Amino acid sequence: MESDNHTSEALKSRLGTCSVCIANLAKYTCPSCKIKTCSLSCVKTHKDDTSCSGVRSKTAMIHKEDMDNLTLLSDYRFLEEIDHKLEDTGRDPLRRYVAPSPYGVPSLPPFLIRLKTAAWKRGTHLRFMPKHFVAHKENSTRYIFQEGIIRWHVKWVFHQADISFTEESVNENKTIIDLLAKYLEPDSSVLSPEEAEKLAYYHSASYKKIAVLLKNADRGSPVFEEMFVDKSLLLNLANKTVKEFPVFYVVLRDHIHFYMDLEADDDHNFNDLFDDHLQKTESDKDESLCYF
């Protein structure tokens, strides 16, 4: 009995009272936040209330006088873990496409070098993102040597309808209006009923009331540039900077001034700015429209 009482008193003096229930002697110390608890239920309550992970921080500050052999061993294993991570990263095949080459730029596989060269000859500055980026994985643009043409991966964004379409293997000699026809015709066979319903706003407008804008990848330029819909992709992309693949915004001319006035600094707030503008524009139009 005396031994048990002595142990209990020692435990009480060392850990104190449970910080959760404030009733029992504490038996455990949380490795993460050092909170003292007495039981499994109190441990769970502590984690639920504070969102504590219960995992000791390997980089937490420890004063010199509090260090012991376990602290040194933990630090040594942490450094070993970092060393293993560095070795794994050095062997990662993705590193080939993001690490600088002796010429100061990331190396590209041969087919992308051919594509970039073909685009450059057409006056298009084509830029690629690192291989593990989603846009790079999606990009199916290729230079077809046998045909002597670039077949583009193209994204069409109908911003006012909140819908977008992606096309692959698009012939650079096709005009923009020819490529868009299948989306702008109400009875198009490529559209599902839901998609056709969303695009009804565009279907009710004539081709002359629709503009196509290219989102510019060059941060020093305006965010959007208007395209010539009766000309080919090849001509429209000349003297342009394209990141991975062209992204075209199909908009109604009633709203084009908003896009053209958008500055590069506003690009990150683009959706919020447009929503406010569109809401005001639609309110003004509702007052003057007659419905039959």
C-alpha atoms as a PDB file:
ATOM      1  CA  MET A   1       0.000   0.000   0.000  1.00  0.00           C
ATOM      2  CA  GLU A   2       2.752   2.412   0.888  1.00  0.00           C
ATOM      3  CA  SER A   3       4.499   1.586  -2.396  1.00  0.00           C
ATOM      4  CA  ASP A   4       1.306   2.263  -4.371  1.00  0.00           C
ATOM      5  CA  ASN A   5       0.731   5.534  -2.574  1.00  0.00           C
ATOM      6  CA  HIS A   6       4.323   6.565  -3.231  1.00  0.00           C
ATOM      7  CA  THR A   7       3.949   5.774  -6.954  1.00  0.00           C
ATOM      8  CA  SER A   8       0.671   7.689  -7.114  1.00  0.00           C
ATOM      9  CA  GLU A   9       2.187  10.716  -5.431  1.00  0.00           C
ATOM     10  CA  ALA A  10       5.208  10.607  -7.773  1.00  0.00           C
ATOM     11  CA  LEU A  11       2.931  10.400 -10.812  1.00  0.00           C
ATOM     12  CA  LYS A  12       0.818  13.275  -9.516  1.00  0.00           C
ATOM     13  CA  SER A  13       3.843  15.471  -8.920  1.00  0.00           C
ATOM     14  CA  ARG A  14       5.326  14.633 -12.333  1.00  0.00           C
ATOM     15  CA  LEU A  15       2.263  14.930 -14.645  1.00  0.00           C
ATOM     16  CA  GLY A  16      -0.313  16.601 -12.447  1.00  0.00           C
ATOM     17  CA  THR A  17      -4.049  16.411 -13.065  1.00  0.00           C
ATOM     18  CA  CYS A  18      -5.635  15.406 -16.390  1.00  0.00           C
ATOM     19  CA  SER A  19      -6.090  18.550 -18.504  1.00  0.00           C
ATOM     20  CA  VAL A  20      -9.334  17.231 -20.032  1.00  0.00           C
ATOM     21  CA  CYS A  21     -11.489  15.910 -17.183  1.00  0.00           C
ATOM     22  CA  ILE A  22      -9.697  17.847 -14.389  1.00  0.00           C
ATOM     23  CA  ALA A  23     -10.574  14.945 -12.055  1.00  0.00           C
ATOM     24  CA  ASN A  24      -8.044  12.130 -12.348  1.00  0.00           C
ATOM     25  CA  LEU A  25      -4.280  11.935 -12.238  1.00  0.00           C
ATOM     26  CA  ALA A  26      -2.710  12.275 -15.671  1.00  0.00           C
ATOM     27  CA  LYS A  27      -0.978   9.197 -17.081  1.00  0.00           C
ATOM     28  CA  TYR A  28      -0.115  10.231 -20.642  1.00  0.00           C
ATOM     29  CA  THR A  29       1.511  13.193 -22.378  1.00  0.00           C
ATOM     30  CA  CYS A  30       0.499  14.094 -25.936  1.00  0.00           C
ATOM     31  CA  PRO A  31       3.630  13.870 -28.148  1.00  0.00           C
ATOM     32  CA  SER A  32       2.425  16.808 -30.218  1.00  0.00           C
ATOM     33  CA  CYS A  33       1.136  19.470 -27.807  1.00  0.00           C
ATOM     34  CA  LYS A  34       2.251  18.060 -24.413  1.00  0.00           C
ATOM     35  CA  ILE A  35      -1.309  18.048 -23.021  1.00  0.00           C
ATOM     36  CA  LYS A  36      -1.661  15.686 -20.045  1.00  0.00           C
ATOM     37  CA  THR A  37      -4.478  13.087 -20.116  1.00  0.00           C
ATOM     38  CA  CYS A  38      -5.596  10.192 -17.934  1.00  0.00           C
ATOM     39  CA  SER A  39      -7.409   7.758 -20.254  1.00  0.00           C
ATOM     40  CA  LEU A  40      -8.226   6.818 -23.833  1.00  0.00           C
ATOM     41  CA  SER A  41     -11.545   8.670 -23.697  1.00  0.00           C
ATOM     42  CA  CYS A  42      -9.789  11.866 -22.588  1.00  0.00           C
ATOM     43  CA  VAL A  43      -7.192  11.418 -25.345  1.00  0.00           C
ATOM     44  CA  LYS A  44      -9.977  11.164 -27.952  1.00  0.00           C
ATOM     45  CA  THR A  45     -11.786  14.164 -26.480  1.00  0.00           C
ATOM     46  CA  HIS A  46      -8.574  16.183 -26.612  1.00  0.00           C
ATOM     47  CA  LYS A  47      -7.979  15.288 -30.280  1.00  0.00           C
ATOM     48  CA  ASP A  48     -11.576  16.056 -31.274  1.00  0.00           C
ATOM     49  CA  ASP A  49     -11.638  19.404 -29.463  1.00  0.00           C
ATOM     50  CA  THR A  50      -8.255  20.683 -30.654  1.00  0.00           C
ATOM     51  CA  SER A  51      -7.816  18.779 -33.967  1.00  0.00           C
ATOM     52  CA  CYS A  52      -4.486  17.599 -32.602  1.00  0.00           C
ATOM     53  CA  SER A  53      -2.778  14.876 -34.640  1.00  0.00           C
ATOM     54  CA  GLY A  54      -1.009  13.367 -31.659  1.00  0.00           C
ATOM     55  CA  VAL A  55       2.159  13.025 -33.750  1.00  0.00           C
ATOM     56  CA  ARG A  56       5.377  14.496 -32.397  1.00  0.00           C
ATOM     57  CA  SER A  57       6.791  17.339 -34.459  1.00  0.00           C
ATOM     58  CA  LYS A  58      10.242  16.391 -35.718  1.00  0.00           C
ATOM     59  CA  THR A  59      11.245  20.037 -36.092  1.00  0.00           C
ATOM     60  CA  ALA A  60       9.871  21.425 -32.819  1.00  0.00           C
ATOM     61  CA  MET A  61      12.202  23.666 -30.830  1.00  0.00           C
ATOM     62  CA  ILE A  62      13.879  21.886 -27.910  1.00  0.00           C
ATOM     63  CA  HIS A  63      16.073  23.807 -25.472  1.00  0.00           C
ATOM     64  CA  LYS A  64      19.594  22.544 -24.996  1.00  0.00           C
ATOM     65  CA  GLU A  65      19.048  21.680 -21.341  1.00  0.00           C
ATOM     66  CA  ASP A  66      16.031  19.520 -22.300  1.00  0.00           C
ATOM     67  CA  MET A  67      17.907  17.427 -24.867  1.00  0.00           C
ATOM     68  CA  ASP A  68      18.769  13.804 -24.186  1.00  0.00           C
ATOM     69  CA  ASN A  69      19.923  10.736 -26.113  1.00  0.00           C
ATOM     70  CA  LEU A  70      16.436  10.142 -27.537  1.00  0.00           C
ATOM     71  CA  THR A  71      16.366  13.696 -28.902  1.00  0.00           C
ATOM     72  CA  LEU A  72      19.705  13.209 -30.656  1.00  0.00           C
ATOM     73  CA  LEU A  73      18.596   9.851 -32.058  1.00  0.00           C
ATOM     74  CA  SER A  74      15.374  11.403 -33.363  1.00  0.00           C
ATOM     75  CA  ASP A  75      17.288  14.237 -35.063  1.00  0.00           C
ATOM     76  CA  TYR A  76      19.735  11.768 -36.612  1.00  0.00           C
ATOM     77  CA  ARG A  77      16.900   9.665 -38.069  1.00  0.00           C
ATOM     78  CA  PHE A  78      15.197  12.819 -39.356  1.00  0.00           C
ATOM     79  CA  LEU A  79      18.376  13.812 -41.237  1.00  0.00           C
ATOM     80  CA  GLU A  80      18.646  10.293 -42.636  1.00  0.00           C
ATOM     81  CA  GLU A  81      15.043  10.528 -43.875  1.00  0.00           C
ATOM     82  CA  ILE A  82      15.837  13.809 -45.660  1.00  0.00           C
ATOM     83  CA  ASP A  83      18.888  12.224 -47.274  1.00  0.00           C
ATOM     84  CA  HIS A  84      16.770   9.318 -48.573  1.00  0.00           C
ATOM     85  CA  LYS A  85      14.195  11.752 -49.981  1.00  0.00           C
ATOM     86  CA  LEU A  86      16.924  13.643 -51.834  1.00  0.00           C
ATOM     87  CA  GLU A  87      18.259  10.406 -53.308  1.00  0.00           C
ATOM     88  CA  ASP A  88      14.771   9.366 -54.444  1.00  0.00           C
ATOM     89  CA  THR A  89      14.175  12.774 -56.033  1.00  0.00           C
ATOM     90  CA  GLY A  90      17.482  12.571 -57.879  1.00  0.00           C
ATOM     91  CA  ARG A  91      16.425   9.263 -59.436  1.00  0.00           C
ATOM     92  CA  ASP A  92      12.899  10.412 -60.318  1.00  0.00           C
ATOM     93  CA  PRO A  93      12.407  10.326 -64.133  1.00  0.00           C
ATOM     94  CA  LEU A  94      10.370  13.559 -63.907  1.00  0.00           C
ATOM     95  CA  ARG A  95      13.563  15.372 -62.904  1.00  0.00           C
ATOM     96  CA  ARG A  96      14.769  15.053 -66.474  1.00  0.00           C
ATOM     97  CA  TYR A  97      12.089  17.500 -67.608  1.00  0.00           C
ATOM     98  CA  VAL A  98      12.341  20.066 -64.798  1.00  0.00           C
ATOM     99  CA  ALA A  99      16.031  20.173 -63.903  1.00  0.00           C
ATOM    100  CA  PRO A 100      18.132  22.771 -65.760  1.00  0.00           C
ATOM    101  CA  SER A 101      20.296  21.464 -68.554  1.00  0.00           C
ATOM    102  CA  PRO A 102      23.836  22.797 -69.217  1.00  0.00           C
ATOM    103  CA  TYR A 103      22.180  25.329 -71.545  1.00  0.00           C
ATOM    104  CA  GLY A 104      20.077  26.802 -68.739  1.00  0.00           C
ATOM    105  CA  VAL A 105      16.655  25.491 -69.818  1.00  0.00           C
ATOM    106  CA  PRO A 106      14.803  22.250 -68.997  1.00  0.00           C
ATOM    107  CA  SER A 107      15.391  19.475 -71.494  1.00  0.00           C
ATOM    108  CA  LEU A 108      12.478  18.417 -73.698  1.00  0.00           C
ATOM    109  CA  PRO A 109      11.802  15.106 -75.434  1.00  0.00           C
ATOM    110  CA  PRO A 110      12.494  15.159 -79.192  1.00  0.00           C
ATOM    111  CA  PHE A 111       8.830  15.289 -80.281  1.00  0.00           C
ATOM    112  CA  LEU A 112       8.244  18.436 -78.205  1.00  0.00           C
ATOM    113  CA  ILE A 113      11.384  20.045 -79.605  1.00  0.00           C
ATOM    114  CA  ARG A 114      10.058  19.401 -83.127  1.00  0.00           C
ATOM    115  CA  LEU A 115       6.668  20.812 -82.142  1.00  0.00           C
ATOM    116  CA  LYS A 116       8.168  23.926 -80.580  1.00  0.00           C
ATOM    117  CA  THR A 117      10.366  24.487 -83.636  1.00  0.00           C
ATOM    118  CA  ALA A 118       7.418  24.082 -86.015  1.00  0.00           C
ATOM    119  CA  ALA A 119       5.379  26.562 -83.964  1.00  0.00           C
ATOM    120  CA  TRP A 120       8.285  29.031 -83.918  1.00  0.00           C
ATOM    121  CA  LYS A 121       8.515  28.888 -87.716  1.00  0.00           C
ATOM    122  CA  ARG A 122       4.832  29.871 -87.805  1.00  0.00           C
ATOM    123  CA  GLY A 123       5.459  32.807 -85.487  1.00  0.00           C
ATOM    124  CA  THR A 124       3.958  31.158 -82.396  1.00  0.00           C
ATOM    125  CA  HIS A 125       5.914  31.152 -79.148  1.00  0.00           C
ATOM    126  CA  LEU A 126       4.960  27.817 -77.602  1.00  0.00           C
ATOM    127  CA  ARG A 127       5.802  27.285 -73.952  1.00  0.00           C
ATOM    128  CA  PHE A 128       5.615  24.038 -71.982  1.00  0.00           C
ATOM    129  CA  MET A 129       4.984  23.450 -68.302  1.00  0.00           C
ATOM    130  CA  PRO A 130       6.825  20.763 -66.281  1.00  0.00           C
ATOM    131  CA  LYS A 131       5.842  17.232 -67.180  1.00  0.00           C
ATOM    132  CA  HIS A 132       3.938  16.524 -63.954  1.00  0.00           C
ATOM    133  CA  PHE A 133       1.586  19.515 -64.408  1.00  0.00           C
ATOM    134  CA  VAL A 134      -2.011  18.675 -65.359  1.00  0.00           C
ATOM    135  CA  ALA A 135      -2.038  20.993 -68.396  1.00  0.00           C
ATOM    136  CA  HIS A 136       1.058  19.281 -69.782  1.00  0.00           C
ATOM    137  CA  LYS A 137      -0.428  15.825 -69.265  1.00  0.00           C
ATOM    138  CA  GLU A 138      -3.639  16.889 -71.025  1.00  0.00           C
ATOM    139  CA  ASN A 139      -1.899  18.525 -73.973  1.00  0.00           C
ATOM    140  CA  SER A 140      -2.188  16.344 -77.084  1.00  0.00           C
ATOM    141  CA  THR A 141      -0.785  18.902 -79.559  1.00  0.00           C
ATOM    142  CA  ARG A 142       1.598  17.286 -82.039  1.00  0.00           C
ATOM    143  CA  TYR A 143       3.551  18.211 -85.131  1.00  0.00           C
ATOM    144  CA  ILE A 144       2.718  15.657 -87.830  1.00  0.00           C
ATOM    145  CA  PHE A 145       5.869  15.435 -89.926  1.00  0.00           C
ATOM    146  CA  GLN A 146       4.261  13.443 -92.760  1.00  0.00           C
ATOM    147  CA  GLU A 147       1.528  16.069 -93.216  1.00  0.00           C
ATOM    148  CA  GLY A 148       3.714  19.047 -92.396  1.00  0.00           C
ATOM    149  CA  ILE A 149       1.055  20.495 -90.065  1.00  0.00           C
ATOM    150  CA  ILE A 150       0.440  21.042 -86.377  1.00  0.00           C
ATOM    151  CA  ARG A 151      -2.602  19.334 -84.926  1.00  0.00           C
ATOM    152  CA  TRP A 152      -3.600  21.357 -81.892  1.00  0.00           C
ATOM    153  CA  HIS A 153      -5.198  20.502 -78.591  1.00  0.00           C
ATOM    154  CA  VAL A 154      -7.801  23.293 -78.251  1.00  0.00           C
ATOM    155  CA  LYS A 155     -10.046  24.342 -75.385  1.00  0.00           C
ATOM    156  CA  TRP A 156     -13.226  26.360 -76.036  1.00  0.00           C
ATOM    157  CA  VAL A 157     -14.666  28.197 -73.034  1.00  0.00           C
ATOM    158  CA  PHE A 158     -18.244  29.474 -73.314  1.00  0.00           C
ATOM    159  CA  HIS A 159     -17.929  31.628 -70.251  1.00  0.00           C
ATOM    160  CA  GLN A 160     -21.445  33.035 -70.197  1.00  0.00           C
ATOM    161  CA  ALA A 161     -22.853  29.498 -70.386  1.00  0.00           C
ATOM    162  CA  ASP A 162     -20.445  28.098 -67.784  1.00  0.00           C
ATOM    163  CA  ILE A 163     -19.398  25.243 -70.069  1.00  0.00           C
ATOM    164  CA  SER A 164     -16.243  24.296 -71.937  1.00  0.00           C
ATOM    165  CA  PHE A 165     -15.205  21.790 -74.595  1.00  0.00           C
ATOM    166  CA  THR A 166     -11.852  20.265 -75.466  1.00  0.00           C
ATOM    167  CA  GLU A 167     -10.847  19.109 -78.935  1.00  0.00           C
ATOM    168  CA  GLU A 168      -7.849  17.057 -79.956  1.00  0.00           C
ATOM    169  CA  SER A 169      -5.986  16.795 -83.241  1.00  0.00           C
ATOM    170  CA  VAL A 170      -7.381  20.069 -84.612  1.00  0.00           C
ATOM    171  CA  ASN A 171      -5.940  20.888 -88.043  1.00  0.00           C
ATOM    172  CA  GLU A 172      -4.168  24.256 -87.917  1.00  0.00           C
ATOM    173  CA  ASN A 173      -5.541  25.138 -91.363  1.00  0.00           C
ATOM    174  CA  LYS A 174      -9.167  25.048 -90.190  1.00  0.00           C
ATOM    175  CA  THR A 175     -10.872  28.395 -89.639  1.00  0.00           C
ATOM    176  CA  ILE A 176     -12.178  29.216 -86.193  1.00  0.00           C
ATOM    177  CA  ILE A 177     -15.753  29.648 -87.371  1.00  0.00           C
ATOM    178  CA  ASP A 178     -15.705  26.203 -89.015  1.00  0.00           C
ATOM    179  CA  LEU A 179     -14.451  24.660 -85.781  1.00  0.00           C
ATOM    180  CA  LEU A 180     -17.109  26.433 -83.711  1.00  0.00           C
ATOM    181  CA  ALA A 181     -20.050  25.639 -85.994  1.00  0.00           C
ATOM    182  CA  LYS A 182     -20.831  22.342 -84.260  1.00  0.00           C
ATOM    183  CA  TYR A 183     -21.285  24.167 -80.942  1.00  0.00           C
ATOM    184  CA  LEU A 184     -23.213  27.172 -82.258  1.00  0.00           C
ATOM    185  CA  GLU A 185     -25.883  25.275 -84.190  1.00  0.00           C
ATOM    186  CA  PRO A 186     -28.964  24.417 -82.060  1.00  0.00           C
ATOM    187  CA  ASP A 187     -29.500  21.049 -83.780  1.00  0.00           C
ATOM    188  CA  SER A 188     -25.851  19.969 -83.528  1.00  0.00           C
ATOM    189  CA  SER A 189     -25.392  16.226 -83.103  1.00  0.00           C
ATOM    190  CA  VAL A 190     -22.290  16.631 -80.921  1.00  0.00           C
ATOM    191  CA  LEU A 191     -24.208  18.323 -78.094  1.00  0.00           C
ATOM    192  CA  SER A 192     -26.155  16.552 -75.395  1.00  0.00           C
ATOM    193  CA  PRO A 193     -29.561  18.004 -74.423  1.00  0.00           C
ATOM    194  CA  GLU A 194     -28.019  19.468 -71.265  1.00  0.00           C
ATOM    195  CA  GLU A 195     -25.179  21.084 -73.218  1.00  0.00           C
ATOM    196  CA  ALA A 196     -27.561  22.460 -75.842  1.00  0.00           C
ATOM    197  CA  GLU A 197     -29.692  23.973 -73.089  1.00  0.00           C
ATOM    198  CA  LYS A 198     -26.686  25.711 -71.565  1.00  0.00           C
ATOM    199  CA  LEU A 199     -25.661  27.085 -74.965  1.00  0.00           C
ATOM    200  CA  ALA A 200     -29.145  28.402 -75.799  1.00  0.00           C
ATOM    201  CA  TYR A 201     -27.924  31.920 -75.073  1.00  0.00           C
ATOM    202  CA  TYR A 202     -25.350  31.548 -77.878  1.00  0.00           C
ATOM    203  CA  HIS A 203     -27.737  29.751 -80.233  1.00  0.00           C
ATOM    204  CA  SER A 204     -30.132  32.698 -80.106  1.00  0.00           C
ATOM    205  CA  ALA A 205     -27.402  35.055 -81.328  1.00  0.00           C
ATOM    206  CA  SER A 206     -26.140  35.318 -84.890  1.00  0.00           C
ATOM    207  CA  TYR A 207     -22.512  34.577 -85.722  1.00  0.00           C
ATOM    208  CA  LYS A 208     -21.851  38.313 -86.085  1.00  0.00           C
ATOM    209  CA  LYS A 209     -22.778  38.834 -82.437  1.00  0.00           C
ATOM    210  CA  ILE A 210     -20.192  36.331 -81.213  1.00  0.00           C
ATOM    211  CA  ALA A 211     -16.512  37.043 -80.633  1.00  0.00           C
ATOM    212  CA  VAL A 212     -13.650  34.629 -79.983  1.00  0.00           C
ATOM    213  CA  LEU A 213     -10.850  35.697 -77.653  1.00  0.00           C
ATOM    214  CA  LEU A 214      -7.509  34.054 -76.973  1.00  0.00           C
ATOM    215  CA  LYS A 215      -6.293  34.024 -73.406  1.00  0.00           C
ATOM    216  CA  ASN A 216      -2.749  35.299 -73.739  1.00  0.00           C
ATOM    217  CA  ALA A 217       0.018  33.412 -71.947  1.00  0.00           C
ATOM    218  CA  ASP A 218       2.330  36.438 -72.069  1.00  0.00           C
ATOM    219  CA  ARG A 219       1.894  38.264 -68.758  1.00  0.00           C
ATOM    220  CA  GLY A 220       3.192  41.504 -70.276  1.00  0.00           C
ATOM    221  CA  SER A 221       0.301  41.642 -72.751  1.00  0.00           C
ATOM    222  CA  PRO A 222      -3.458  42.176 -72.337  1.00  0.00           C
ATOM    223  CA  VAL A 223      -5.198  39.150 -70.857  1.00  0.00           C
ATOM    224  CA  PHE A 224      -7.335  38.631 -73.988  1.00  0.00           C
ATOM    225  CA  GLU A 225      -6.922  39.267 -77.705  1.00  0.00           C
ATOM    226  CA  GLU A 226      -9.713  39.013 -80.264  1.00  0.00           C
ATOM    227  CA  MET A 227      -9.312  36.448 -83.024  1.00  0.00           C
ATOM    228  CA  PHE A 228     -10.314  36.651 -86.688  1.00  0.00           C
ATOM    229  CA  VAL A 229     -12.958  33.934 -86.874  1.00  0.00           C
ATOM    230  CA  ASP A 230     -12.798  33.698 -90.681  1.00  0.00           C
ATOM    231  CA  LYS A 231      -9.065  32.919 -90.596  1.00  0.00           C
ATOM    232  CA  SER A 232      -7.229  29.716 -89.718  1.00  0.00           C
ATOM    233  CA  LEU A 233      -5.740  28.716 -86.398  1.00  0.00           C
ATOM    234  CA  LEU A 234      -2.307  29.049 -87.978  1.00  0.00           C
ATOM    235  CA  LEU A 235      -2.833  32.733 -88.824  1.00  0.00           C
ATOM    236  CA  ASN A 236      -4.595  33.554 -85.564  1.00  0.00           C
ATOM    237  CA  LEU A 237      -1.808  32.087 -83.443  1.00  0.00           C
ATOM    238  CA  ALA A 238       0.959  33.913 -85.321  1.00  0.00           C
ATOM    239  CA  ASN A 239       2.807  36.424 -83.110  1.00  0.00           C
ATOM    240  CA  LYS A 240       1.120  34.952 -80.034  1.00  0.00           C
ATOM    241  CA  THR A 241       2.454  33.249 -76.912  1.00  0.00           C
ATOM    242  CA  VAL A 242       0.720  29.955 -76.128  1.00  0.00           C
ATOM    243  CA  LYS A 243       1.211  27.992 -72.920  1.00  0.00           C
ATOM    244  CA  GLU A 244       0.766  24.292 -73.739  1.00  0.00           C
ATOM    245  CA  PHE A 245      -2.347  24.795 -75.918  1.00  0.00           C
ATOM    246  CA  PRO A 246      -4.643  27.660 -76.955  1.00  0.00           C
ATOM    247  CA  VAL A 247      -7.619  28.456 -74.727  1.00  0.00           C
ATOM    248  CA  PHE A 248     -10.319  30.369 -76.626  1.00  0.00           C
ATOM    249  CA  TYR A 249     -13.139  32.245 -74.894  1.00  0.00           C
ATOM    250  CA  VAL A 250     -16.343  32.435 -76.929  1.00  0.00           C
ATOM    251  CA  VAL A 251     -18.304  35.504 -75.793  1.00  0.00           C
ATOM    252  CA  LEU A 252     -21.169  37.705 -76.919  1.00  0.00           C
ATOM    253  CA  ARG A 253     -20.104  41.033 -78.360  1.00  0.00           C
ATOM    254  CA  ASP A 254     -22.285  42.801 -75.801  1.00  0.00           C
ATOM    255  CA  HIS A 255     -19.705  41.768 -73.207  1.00  0.00           C
ATOM    256  CA  ILE A 256     -16.465  41.935 -75.181  1.00  0.00           C
ATOM    257  CA  HIS A 257     -15.376  45.305 -73.801  1.00  0.00           C
ATOM    258  CA  PHE A 258     -15.157  43.824 -70.319  1.00  0.00           C
ATOM    259  CA  TYR A 259     -12.673  41.176 -71.465  1.00  0.00           C
ATOM    260  CA  MET A 260     -10.620  43.560 -73.588  1.00  0.00           C
ATOM    261  CA  ASP A 261     -10.327  46.082 -70.728  1.00  0.00           C
ATOM    262  CA  LEU A 262      -9.132  43.448 -68.276  1.00  0.00           C
ATOM    263  CA  GLU A 263      -5.563  44.058 -67.145  1.00  0.00           C
ATOM    264  CA  ALA A 264      -3.023  41.336 -66.405  1.00  0.00           C
ATOM    265  CA  ASP A 265      -3.093  42.215 -62.682  1.00  0.00           C
ATOM    266  CA  ASP A 266      -6.838  41.497 -62.600  1.00  0.00           C
ATOM    267  CA  ASP A 267      -6.505  38.023 -64.108  1.00  0.00           C
ATOM    268  CA  HIS A 268      -6.533  36.182 -60.760  1.00  0.00           C
ATOM    269  CA  ASN A 269      -9.881  37.822 -59.902  1.00  0.00           C
ATOM    270  CA  PHE A 270     -11.274  37.277 -63.388  1.00  0.00           C
ATOM    271  CA  ASN A 271     -14.257  35.090 -62.465  1.00  0.00           C
ATOM    272  CA  ASP A 272     -15.415  37.310 -59.595  1.00  0.00           C
ATOM    273  CA  LEU A 273     -15.090  40.466 -61.691  1.00  0.00           C
ATOM    274  CA  PHE A 274     -17.006  38.939 -64.570  1.00  0.00           C
ATOM    275  CA  ASP A 275     -19.828  37.633 -62.369  1.00  0.00           C
ATOM    276  CA  ASP A 276     -20.443  41.116 -60.942  1.00  0.00           C
ATOM    277  CA  HIS A 277     -20.325  42.685 -64.393  1.00  0.00           C
ATOM    278  CA  LEU A 278     -22.600  40.074 -65.982  1.00  0.00           C
ATOM    279  CA  GLN A 279     -25.175  40.393 -63.195  1.00  0.00           C
ATOM    280  CA  LYS A 280     -25.405  44.156 -63.781  1.00  0.00           C
ATOM    281  CA  THR A 281     -25.531  43.745 -67.574  1.00  0.00           C
ATOM    282  CA  GLU A 282     -28.317  41.147 -67.421  1.00  0.00           C
ATOM    283  CA  SER A 283     -30.309  43.361 -65.059  1.00  0.00           C
ATOM    284  CA  ASP A 284     -30.062  46.256 -67.514  1.00  0.00           C
ATOM    285  CA  LYS A 285     -31.039  44.020 -70.458  1.00  0.00           C
ATOM    286  CA  ASP A 286     -34.079  42.586 -68.638  1.00  0.00           C
ATOM    287  CA  GLU A 287     -35.568  46.076 -68.372  1.00  0.00           C
ATOM    288  CA  SER A 288     -35.477  46.620 -72.143  1.00  0.00           C
ATOM    289  CA  LEU A 289     -36.238  43.127 -73.490  1.00  0.00           C
ATOM    290  CA  CYS A 290     -39.690  42.172 -74.767  1.00  0.00           C
ATOM    291  CA  TYR A 291     -40.672  38.496 -74.531  1.00  0.00           C
ATOM    292  CA  PHE A 292     -43.025  36.986 -77.097  1.00  0.00           C
END
